[in-house]
Amino acid sequence: MQNGVSSVLAVIGKEVLNLETGIGRLQSKLGSLNKTSLAVFGGLGLAAGGAFAAGLAKVAEHGTKLLVSR
């Protein structure tokens, strides 16, 4: 091609390939971050669920005491 158009297209092609590689790296890092976040938030959810269940048991016990005392 004339006027250096082919060299410009080559540079643009190279930059597009570099961009795709960078996006692939970012996606893989986000994927591992999501797995770690899922594990952390899953553990926190289990702990919160256990505390909630214990709280409900206390409320039920208190309610039973109120009903029996009447």
Protein backbone atom coordinates (compact mmCIF):
# COMPACT_ATOMS: atom_id res chain seq x y z
CA MET A 1 0.00 0.00 0.00
CA GLN A 2 1.10 3.53 -0.51
CA ASN A 3 1.79 6.35 1.95
CA GLY A 4 2.63 3.99 4.82
CA VAL A 5 -0.95 2.78 5.27
CA SER A 6 0.18 -0.83 5.63
CA SER A 7 2.62 0.10 8.40
CA VAL A 8 -0.12 1.99 10.22
CA LEU A 9 -2.43 -1.02 9.91
CA ALA A 10 0.35 -3.25 11.25
CA VAL A 11 0.78 -1.01 14.30
CA ILE A 12 -2.98 -0.93 14.89
CA GLY A 13 -3.15 -4.72 14.59
CA LYS A 14 -0.32 -5.12 17.08
CA GLU A 15 -2.01 -2.78 19.56
CA VAL A 16 -5.32 -4.64 19.24
CA LEU A 17 -3.55 -7.94 19.96
CA ASN A 18 -1.83 -6.40 23.00
CA LEU A 19 -5.17 -5.11 24.22
CA GLU A 20 -6.74 -8.56 23.89
CA THR A 21 -3.85 -10.08 25.85
CA GLY A 22 -4.25 -7.47 28.60
CA ILE A 23 -7.98 -8.11 28.78
CA GLY A 24 -7.33 -11.85 29.07
CA ARG A 25 -4.95 -11.29 31.99
CA LEU A 26 -7.43 -9.00 33.71
CA GLN A 27 -10.22 -11.54 33.32
CA SER A 28 -8.10 -14.33 34.78
CA LYS A 29 -7.17 -12.16 37.78
CA LEU A 30 -10.80 -11.20 38.32
CA GLY A 31 -11.76 -14.86 38.09
CA SER A 32 -9.38 -15.80 40.89
CA LEU A 33 -10.53 -12.78 42.89
CA ASN A 34 -14.13 -13.88 42.48
CA LYS A 35 -13.29 -17.36 43.76
CA THR A 36 -11.51 -15.89 46.77
CA SER A 37 -14.33 -13.44 47.43
CA LEU A 38 -16.88 -16.22 47.15
CA ALA A 39 -14.99 -18.29 49.72
CA VAL A 40 -14.65 -15.37 52.13
CA PHE A 41 -18.25 -14.21 51.82
CA GLY A 42 -19.48 -17.80 51.98
CA GLY A 43 -17.66 -18.27 55.28
CA LEU A 44 -19.04 -15.01 56.60
CA GLY A 45 -22.51 -16.05 55.48
CA LEU A 46 -22.23 -19.36 57.30
CA ALA A 47 -21.07 -17.61 60.48
CA ALA A 48 -23.88 -15.06 60.24
CA GLY A 49 -26.41 -17.81 59.59
CA GLY A 50 -25.21 -19.69 62.67
CA ALA A 51 -25.49 -16.56 64.80
CA PHE A 52 -28.98 -15.91 63.41
CA ALA A 53 -30.07 -19.47 64.21
CA ALA A 54 -28.69 -19.14 67.74
CA GLY A 55 -30.58 -15.86 68.14
CA LEU A 56 -33.81 -17.49 66.98
CA ALA A 57 -33.29 -20.31 69.45
CA LYS A 58 -32.91 -17.76 72.27
CA VAL A 59 -36.10 -15.97 71.17
CA ALA A 60 -37.99 -19.26 71.03
CA GLU A 61 -36.71 -20.21 74.48
CA HIS A 62 -37.74 -16.83 75.90
CA GLY A 63 -41.15 -17.14 74.24
CA THR A 64 -41.63 -20.58 75.76
CA LYS A 65 -40.79 -19.21 79.22
CA LEU A 66 -43.33 -16.43 78.77
CA LEU A 67 -46.05 -18.88 77.73
CA VAL A 68 -45.32 -21.28 80.60
CA SER A 69 -45.24 -18.53 83.21
CA ARG A 70 -48.78 -17.36 82.36
